[in-house]
Amino acid sequence: MYEQLLTGARELQAQTVAMRREIHQEPELGLDLPKTRATVLDGLSGLDVEIHQSQATTGLVAILRGARPGPNILLRGDMDALPMSEDTGLPFASQTPGHMHACGHDAHTSMLASAAHLLSKHKQDIRGNVLFMFQPGEEGYGGAKIMLDEGLIEAGGKPDSVFALHVAPELPSGVIACRTGPILAAADTVHGRIIGRGGHGSMPHNAADPVPVACEVVQAIQTLVTRQFSVFDPVVATVGRIQAGTTNNVIPETAELDITLRSLSGDTRERLASGVCNLIEQIPVAHGLQGEVKLKRGYPPTINHAAGAEVVARAAKALLGEEGYRLMPEPFMASEDFSYLLQRYNGAFAFLGVAPPGKEGKAAPCHSNHMLVDEDAMAVGVAMHAAIVFSSLSGLT
């Protein structure tokens, strides 16, 4: 069966690549992706699937009913691009200035659509139903949660398990990687504002300079991370923007900091946010200044269930052999809104290696303006979706 799946995915490669390139050339942002949705619907036309479209977004769920009753398994592919310019030089590069598929969502979408074709050919072997979730708004808009909250995920029945594949330029092409427990981090954002009193740069004693206080806050945040959190439940706090003043001889009134917080558990997430906010509020007080802080919650950590991770490992090894699967020793500290689905349903999030030939270990990462995908790996992704289904629904090994 698994050999048939890989052969079938390779036979679909031309249409998989064609859809990926079409989507890549016309990237769309956020929750409203009309062109991408139209491409998906066109790609699913002719298949015996039920289409349920989101009313709040341009997302959709396509349902393939198996030949026999059984559990529901959901496969997710995200569709949205990033607000950045492309510098890959590809002949099918983005035609929309300032927009780029730099995180592989074009590949995710096309692989999932081809998986629907592949699984449709094996419908008689499926015991249960397959839900194909095409999701907008992963890049900061929480599209998964919106589709979840509107009930679209359960339109064809409550999923018994959920799975997603994400490309990884860091991994060799065609290799699957996964782990039990946290695989991606929670992401929160803190905006801090330190309010002092402006004045002449030559007379700081007549002003209340927020700049050195801001620098002290930055150092204190790094001390907080290394001295109050275990290295075995790690956190990251990065001050990505610090801004103050307009010229060299003016002490500014305010200094601003934007900070990203990453964590792998609920407890450390709360303690990190509380600790950073306290530093921004209290250190300025010690210097006679005022600190203001705003905390913006992002996605929770993506935590794989043991049973879901085992399904991924079993499917990958059956499809690709032992060498085709890697057990990840540690999580990535990026974040994902698939985390919302894993909070409610059993399942797992996994990675598909897409390093271009000759670029293993040197490929541009996701969110880079030079990010590339080895399209040959996409056939493995298509087959892997199907292998997960059979590993979950039919119990084939």
Protein backbone atom coordinates (compact mmCIF):
# COMPACT_ATOMS: atom_id res chain seq x y z
CA MET A 1 0.00 0.00 0.00
CA TYR A 2 2.65 2.55 0.98
CA GLU A 3 4.67 1.87 -2.15
CA GLN A 4 1.51 2.48 -4.16
CA LEU A 5 0.97 5.79 -2.35
CA LEU A 6 4.46 7.04 -3.16
CA THR A 7 4.10 5.95 -6.79
CA GLY A 8 0.71 7.62 -7.00
CA ALA A 9 2.06 10.85 -5.52
CA ARG A 10 4.84 10.94 -8.08
CA GLU A 11 2.28 10.46 -10.85
CA LEU A 12 0.50 13.55 -9.50
CA GLN A 13 3.72 15.58 -9.29
CA ALA A 14 3.09 17.68 -12.39
CA GLN A 15 -0.25 18.96 -11.10
CA THR A 16 1.15 19.43 -7.58
CA VAL A 17 3.97 21.61 -8.89
CA ALA A 18 1.68 23.50 -11.26
CA MET A 19 -0.72 24.45 -8.45
CA ARG A 20 2.16 25.41 -6.16
CA ARG A 21 3.65 27.71 -8.78
CA GLU A 22 0.30 29.30 -9.59
CA ILE A 23 -0.28 30.10 -5.93
CA HIS A 24 3.33 31.25 -5.50
CA GLN A 25 2.98 33.81 -8.28
CA GLU A 26 -0.13 35.38 -6.74
CA PRO A 27 0.43 35.39 -2.98
CA GLU A 28 -2.34 36.73 -0.75
CA LEU A 29 -2.23 37.84 2.87
CA GLY A 30 -4.40 37.29 5.91
CA LEU A 31 -7.87 35.83 6.00
CA ASP A 32 -9.14 36.94 2.59
CA LEU A 33 -7.52 34.83 -0.13
CA PRO A 34 -10.04 34.74 -3.01
CA LYS A 35 -7.57 33.80 -5.75
CA THR A 36 -5.99 31.05 -3.68
CA ARG A 37 -9.36 29.62 -2.69
CA ALA A 38 -10.46 29.66 -6.34
CA THR A 39 -7.31 27.74 -7.27
CA VAL A 40 -8.02 25.17 -4.56
CA LEU A 41 -11.65 24.74 -5.57
CA ASP A 42 -10.61 24.32 -9.19
CA GLY A 43 -8.02 21.76 -8.10
CA LEU A 44 -10.64 19.77 -6.18
CA SER A 45 -13.24 19.85 -8.97
CA GLY A 46 -14.28 16.44 -10.17
CA LEU A 47 -13.53 14.73 -6.87
CA ASP A 48 -16.27 13.08 -4.83
CA VAL A 49 -15.82 15.39 -1.84
CA GLU A 50 -18.16 17.59 0.16
CA ILE A 51 -17.10 21.24 0.28
CA HIS A 52 -17.85 23.36 3.35
CA GLN A 53 -16.74 26.99 3.03
CA SER A 54 -15.99 29.29 5.93
CA GLN A 55 -18.29 32.27 6.36
CA ALA A 56 -15.72 34.24 8.35
CA THR A 57 -12.70 33.61 6.09
CA THR A 58 -11.88 32.19 2.67
CA GLY A 59 -11.01 28.87 4.26
CA LEU A 60 -12.74 25.61 3.43
CA VAL A 61 -12.97 21.99 4.49
CA ALA A 62 -13.35 19.23 1.89
CA ILE A 63 -14.63 15.88 3.16
CA LEU A 64 -13.87 12.55 1.53
CA ARG A 65 -16.21 9.83 2.80
CA GLY A 66 -14.57 6.42 2.99
CA ALA A 67 -16.17 3.20 1.80
CA ARG A 68 -16.74 1.99 5.35
CA PRO A 69 -17.66 3.71 8.64
CA GLY A 70 -14.85 4.77 10.90
CA PRO A 71 -13.15 7.71 12.59
CA ASN A 72 -12.55 11.16 11.11
CA ILE A 73 -9.02 12.33 10.41
CA LEU A 74 -8.22 15.93 9.52
CA LEU A 75 -5.27 17.09 7.41
CA ARG A 76 -4.43 20.81 7.44
CA GLY A 77 -2.76 22.95 4.80
CA ASP A 78 -2.35 26.71 5.32
CA MET A 79 -2.66 29.07 2.35
CA ASP A 80 -1.53 32.61 3.21
CA ALA A 81 1.70 34.43 2.32
CA LEU A 82 3.90 36.99 4.09
CA PRO A 83 4.16 40.80 3.66
CA MET A 84 7.69 40.81 2.25
CA SER A 85 9.45 41.12 -1.09
CA GLU A 86 10.81 38.09 -2.92
CA ASP A 87 14.43 37.86 -4.05
CA THR A 88 14.66 34.25 -5.21
CA GLY A 89 14.95 34.96 -8.93
CA LEU A 90 12.53 32.12 -9.69
CA PRO A 91 10.77 32.24 -13.07
CA PHE A 92 7.48 31.91 -11.15
CA ALA A 93 8.37 34.45 -8.46
CA SER A 94 5.70 36.61 -6.84
CA GLN A 95 4.01 39.05 -9.18
CA THR A 96 2.61 41.04 -6.26
CA PRO A 97 5.09 43.61 -4.87
CA GLY A 98 5.64 43.24 -1.16
CA HIS A 99 4.02 39.79 -0.94
CA MET A 100 5.82 36.45 -0.92
CA HIS A 101 5.23 32.81 -0.07
CA ALA A 102 8.31 32.61 2.15
CA CYS A 103 7.00 29.96 4.54
CA GLY A 104 5.99 27.23 2.13
CA HIS A 105 2.23 27.61 2.43
CA ASP A 106 1.95 27.41 -1.35
CA ALA A 107 3.53 23.95 -1.13
CA HIS A 108 1.32 22.98 1.81
CA THR A 109 -1.83 23.87 -0.13
CA SER A 110 -0.87 22.09 -3.33
CA MET A 111 0.33 18.98 -1.49
CA LEU A 112 -2.97 18.77 0.39
CA ALA A 113 -5.00 19.17 -2.81
CA SER A 114 -3.02 16.40 -4.49
CA ALA A 115 -3.44 14.24 -1.38
CA ALA A 116 -7.21 14.58 -1.88
CA HIS A 117 -6.75 13.21 -5.41
CA LEU A 118 -4.50 10.40 -4.21
CA LEU A 119 -6.82 9.34 -1.40
CA SER A 120 -9.85 9.54 -3.69
CA LYS A 121 -8.23 6.82 -5.82
CA HIS A 122 -8.02 4.65 -2.69
CA LYS A 123 -11.48 5.50 -1.36
CA GLN A 124 -12.52 1.84 -1.22
CA ASP A 125 -9.66 1.13 1.19
CA ILE A 126 -10.55 3.93 3.62
CA ARG A 127 -12.38 3.06 6.82
CA GLY A 128 -13.65 6.44 7.98
CA ASN A 129 -13.58 9.96 6.61
CA VAL A 130 -10.83 12.40 5.65
CA LEU A 131 -11.23 16.13 6.25
CA PHE A 132 -8.97 18.38 4.16
CA MET A 133 -8.67 21.75 5.91
CA PHE A 134 -7.50 24.60 3.68
CA GLN A 135 -6.79 27.45 6.07
CA PRO A 136 -6.02 31.15 5.57
CA GLY A 137 -4.51 33.51 8.09
CA GLU A 138 -1.87 31.37 9.78
CA GLU A 139 0.67 34.20 9.69
CA GLY A 140 -0.59 36.09 12.73
CA TYR A 141 -4.34 36.14 12.01
CA GLY A 142 -5.36 32.99 13.87
CA GLY A 143 -7.24 31.52 10.93
CA ALA A 144 -7.26 28.06 12.50
CA LYS A 145 -8.99 29.36 15.63
CA ILE A 146 -11.56 31.28 13.58
CA MET A 147 -12.46 28.18 11.57
CA LEU A 148 -12.54 26.18 14.80
CA ASP A 149 -14.78 28.68 16.60
CA GLU A 150 -17.28 28.86 13.74
CA GLY A 151 -17.71 25.09 13.83
CA LEU A 152 -16.31 24.43 10.36
CA ILE A 153 -13.82 21.86 11.65
CA GLU A 154 -16.69 19.68 12.84
CA ALA A 155 -18.98 20.26 9.86
CA GLY A 156 -18.46 16.66 8.78
CA GLY A 157 -18.22 15.27 12.28
CA LYS A 158 -15.78 15.80 15.14
CA PRO A 159 -12.20 14.88 14.15
CA ASP A 160 -10.73 11.94 16.00
CA SER A 161 -7.24 13.13 15.09
CA VAL A 162 -5.63 16.07 13.30
CA PHE A 163 -2.34 16.36 11.43
CA ALA A 164 -0.32 19.01 9.61
CA LEU A 165 2.90 18.96 7.58
CA HIS A 166 5.16 22.02 7.36
CA VAL A 167 8.14 22.41 5.07
CA ALA A 168 11.57 22.79 6.67
CA PRO A 169 14.53 24.03 4.58
CA GLU A 170 16.76 23.06 7.49
CA LEU A 171 16.11 19.34 6.85
CA PRO A 172 17.28 17.13 3.96
CA SER A 173 14.80 16.91 1.11
CA GLY A 174 12.10 14.30 1.61
CA VAL A 175 12.84 13.55 5.27
CA ILE A 176 9.99 13.63 7.83
CA ALA A 177 10.71 14.92 11.35
CA CYS A 178 8.49 14.89 14.41
CA ARG A 179 8.49 14.51 18.19
CA THR A 180 6.13 13.96 21.10
CA GLY A 181 5.36 16.95 23.32
CA PRO A 182 6.14 20.56 22.43
CA ILE A 183 7.34 20.93 18.84
CA LEU A 184 6.77 24.70 18.48
CA ALA A 185 6.62 27.54 20.97
CA ALA A 186 4.02 29.98 22.19
CA ALA A 187 4.56 33.50 20.88
CA ASP A 188 3.60 36.67 22.74
CA THR A 189 4.53 40.29 22.12
CA VAL A 190 5.27 43.02 24.66
CA HIS A 191 5.34 46.71 23.80
CA GLY A 192 7.07 48.80 26.46
CA ARG A 193 7.22 52.58 26.75
CA ILE A 194 9.50 54.37 29.19
CA ILE A 195 8.42 57.94 29.88
CA GLY A 196 10.97 60.46 31.10
CA ARG A 197 11.48 64.17 30.67
CA GLY A 198 13.20 65.59 27.63
CA GLY A 199 15.97 68.16 27.64
CA HIS A 200 19.26 69.35 26.20
CA GLY A 201 21.85 66.65 25.60
CA SER A 202 24.51 68.77 27.34
CA MET A 203 22.49 69.00 30.59
CA PRO A 204 21.13 65.53 31.43
CA HIS A 205 20.76 66.52 35.10
CA ASN A 206 17.92 68.85 34.08
CA ALA A 207 16.09 66.03 32.26
CA ALA A 208 15.00 62.45 33.00
CA ASP A 209 16.69 60.39 30.31
CA PRO A 210 14.72 57.25 29.30
CA VAL A 211 17.51 55.83 27.10
CA PRO A 212 19.84 54.39 29.77
CA VAL A 213 16.80 53.11 31.63
CA ALA A 214 15.65 51.32 28.47
CA CYS A 215 19.11 49.79 28.16
CA GLU A 216 18.90 48.63 31.77
CA VAL A 217 15.53 47.03 31.04
CA VAL A 218 17.01 45.12 28.09
CA GLN A 219 19.83 43.75 30.24
CA ALA A 220 17.42 42.86 33.03
CA ILE A 221 15.24 40.89 30.61
CA GLN A 222 18.21 38.74 29.60
CA THR A 223 19.10 38.16 33.26
CA LEU A 224 15.48 37.18 33.94
CA VAL A 225 15.65 34.53 31.22
CA THR A 226 18.91 32.97 32.38
CA ARG A 227 18.30 33.13 36.13
CA GLN A 228 14.59 32.41 36.63
CA PHE A 229 13.87 29.73 34.01
CA SER A 230 15.11 26.17 33.76
CA VAL A 231 17.16 25.29 30.70
CA PHE A 232 14.99 22.15 30.47
CA ASP A 233 11.83 24.26 29.95
CA PRO A 234 13.44 27.07 27.97
CA VAL A 235 12.16 30.51 27.06
CA VAL A 236 13.34 33.19 24.65
CA ALA A 237 12.90 36.94 25.08
CA THR A 238 14.22 39.06 22.22
CA VAL A 239 14.08 42.84 22.09
CA GLY A 240 13.58 43.26 18.37
CA ARG A 241 13.07 47.03 18.38
CA ILE A 242 14.33 49.76 20.67
CA GLN A 243 13.72 53.32 19.58
CA ALA A 244 14.25 56.74 21.13
CA GLY A 245 15.18 60.25 20.13
CA THR A 246 15.63 62.18 16.91
CA THR A 247 19.15 63.61 17.07
CA ASN A 248 22.39 63.49 19.05
CA ASN A 249 21.99 66.50 21.32
CA VAL A 250 18.40 66.05 22.48
CA ILE A 251 17.35 63.88 25.38
CA PRO A 252 14.06 62.32 24.27
CA GLU A 253 10.88 62.23 26.25
CA THR A 254 10.29 58.51 25.70
CA ALA A 255 11.95 55.25 24.67
CA GLU A 256 10.07 52.30 23.20
CA LEU A 257 10.78 48.57 23.15
CA ASP A 258 9.10 45.76 21.19
CA ILE A 259 9.82 42.29 22.55
CA THR A 260 8.94 38.80 21.35
CA LEU A 261 8.46 36.12 23.99
CA ARG A 262 8.72 32.38 23.22
CA SER A 263 7.91 29.55 25.60
CA LEU A 264 7.05 25.85 25.53
CA SER A 265 4.61 25.41 28.43
CA GLY A 266 1.70 27.26 29.96
CA ASP A 267 3.49 27.89 33.25
CA THR A 268 6.63 29.40 31.74
CA ARG A 269 4.52 31.41 29.30
CA GLU A 270 2.70 33.14 32.15
CA ARG A 271 5.81 33.65 34.28
CA LEU A 272 7.82 35.06 31.37
CA ALA A 273 5.13 37.55 30.36
CA SER A 274 4.60 38.64 33.97
CA GLY A 275 8.34 38.99 34.62
CA VAL A 276 9.06 41.08 31.52
CA CYS A 277 6.07 43.34 32.16
CA ASN A 278 7.16 43.89 35.75
CA LEU A 279 10.66 44.91 34.67
CA ILE A 280 9.32 47.47 32.21
CA GLU A 281 7.01 48.92 34.83
CA GLN A 282 9.28 48.86 37.88
CA ILE A 283 12.83 49.62 36.71
CA PRO A 284 11.85 53.11 35.48
CA VAL A 285 10.28 53.86 38.88
CA ALA A 286 13.65 53.30 40.55
CA HIS A 287 15.03 56.12 38.37
CA GLY A 288 12.10 58.48 38.82
CA LEU A 289 10.57 57.65 35.44
CA GLN A 290 7.39 55.88 34.42
CA GLY A 291 6.96 52.59 32.54
CA GLU A 292 3.97 51.56 30.46
CA VAL A 293 3.45 48.10 29.00
CA LYS A 294 1.05 46.33 26.67
CA LEU A 295 0.98 42.54 26.34
CA LYS A 296 -0.39 40.98 23.15
CA ARG A 297 -1.08 37.28 23.32
CA GLY A 298 -0.13 35.19 20.32
CA TYR A 299 -0.46 31.48 19.57
CA PRO A 300 -0.10 28.89 22.36
CA PRO A 301 2.63 26.24 22.17
CA THR A 302 2.13 23.47 19.61
CA ILE A 303 2.16 20.26 21.65
CA ASN A 304 2.03 16.90 19.90
CA HIS A 305 0.14 14.01 21.45
CA ALA A 306 2.11 10.81 21.87
CA ALA A 307 -0.39 8.79 19.83
CA GLY A 308 -0.32 11.35 17.01
CA ALA A 309 3.47 11.49 16.89
CA GLU A 310 3.53 7.68 16.78
CA VAL A 311 1.18 7.71 13.78
CA VAL A 312 3.55 10.10 11.97
CA ALA A 313 6.62 8.01 12.80
CA ARG A 314 4.95 4.77 11.77
CA ALA A 315 3.67 6.23 8.49
CA ALA A 316 7.02 7.84 7.61
CA LYS A 317 9.01 4.68 8.25
CA ALA A 318 6.56 2.55 6.27
CA LEU A 319 6.63 5.01 3.39
CA LEU A 320 10.32 5.98 3.34
CA GLY A 321 12.18 3.46 5.46
CA GLU A 322 13.93 4.07 8.77
CA GLU A 323 16.27 6.64 7.17
CA GLY A 324 13.29 8.71 6.03
CA TYR A 325 12.23 9.63 9.57
CA ARG A 326 14.01 11.76 12.17
CA LEU A 327 13.05 12.08 15.81
CA MET A 328 13.53 15.75 16.65
CA PRO A 329 15.70 16.15 19.76
CA GLU A 330 14.28 19.57 20.54
CA PRO A 331 11.48 21.91 19.43
CA PHE A 332 11.71 24.89 17.11
CA MET A 333 10.93 28.19 18.85
CA ALA A 334 8.69 29.45 16.03
CA SER A 335 4.90 29.33 16.56
CA GLU A 336 1.84 27.96 14.76
CA ASP A 337 -1.92 28.35 15.05
CA PHE A 338 -2.35 24.61 14.45
CA SER A 339 -1.71 24.63 18.20
CA TYR A 340 -5.39 25.51 18.71
CA LEU A 341 -6.47 22.28 17.03
CA LEU A 342 -4.04 20.21 19.08
CA GLN A 343 -5.46 21.76 22.25
CA ARG A 344 -8.82 20.19 21.37
CA TYR A 345 -8.04 17.07 19.34
CA ASN A 346 -5.48 14.29 19.36
CA GLY A 347 -2.83 14.52 16.66
CA ALA A 348 0.55 15.86 15.66
CA PHE A 349 2.39 18.52 13.68
CA ALA A 350 5.37 17.34 11.62
CA PHE A 351 8.03 18.69 9.29
CA LEU A 352 8.95 17.80 5.71
CA GLY A 353 12.55 18.50 4.67
CA VAL A 354 12.78 20.63 1.51
CA ALA A 355 16.44 21.70 1.37
CA PRO A 356 17.33 22.32 -2.31
CA PRO A 357 20.00 20.06 -3.83
CA GLY A 358 23.45 21.05 -2.63
CA LYS A 359 22.00 23.38 0.03
CA GLU A 360 21.60 20.98 2.94
CA GLY A 361 22.52 22.86 6.09
CA LYS A 362 22.91 26.10 4.13
CA ALA A 363 19.42 26.72 2.73
CA ALA A 364 17.66 30.00 3.42
CA PRO A 365 15.11 29.45 6.22
CA CYS A 366 11.41 30.11 6.23
CA HIS A 367 10.57 33.84 6.32
CA SER A 368 13.68 34.63 4.28
CA ASN A 369 13.33 36.58 1.02
CA HIS A 370 15.58 33.88 -0.52
CA MET A 371 13.62 30.87 0.79
CA LEU A 372 13.37 27.99 -1.73
CA VAL A 373 11.56 24.64 -1.79
CA ASP A 374 12.90 21.49 -3.42
CA GLU A 375 9.77 20.62 -5.36
CA ASP A 376 10.79 16.95 -5.62
CA ALA A 377 10.08 16.68 -1.89
CA MET A 378 6.45 17.61 -2.48
CA ALA A 379 5.65 14.12 -3.79
CA VAL A 380 6.81 12.78 -0.42
CA GLY A 381 4.51 15.30 1.29
CA VAL A 382 1.52 14.19 -0.79
CA ALA A 383 2.22 10.53 -0.09
CA MET A 384 2.84 11.27 3.59
CA HIS A 385 -0.61 12.81 3.99
CA ALA A 386 -2.11 9.64 2.57
CA ALA A 387 0.17 7.39 4.64
CA ILE A 388 -0.94 9.18 7.81
CA VAL A 389 -4.55 8.51 6.87
CA PHE A 390 -3.99 4.78 6.35
CA SER A 391 -1.81 4.52 9.43
CA SER A 392 -4.59 6.17 11.45
CA LEU A 393 -7.79 4.86 9.90
CA SER A 394 -6.98 1.45 8.51
CA GLY A 395 -4.29 0.35 10.92
CA LEU A 396 -2.01 -0.65 8.04
CA THR A 397 1.70 -0.77 8.88
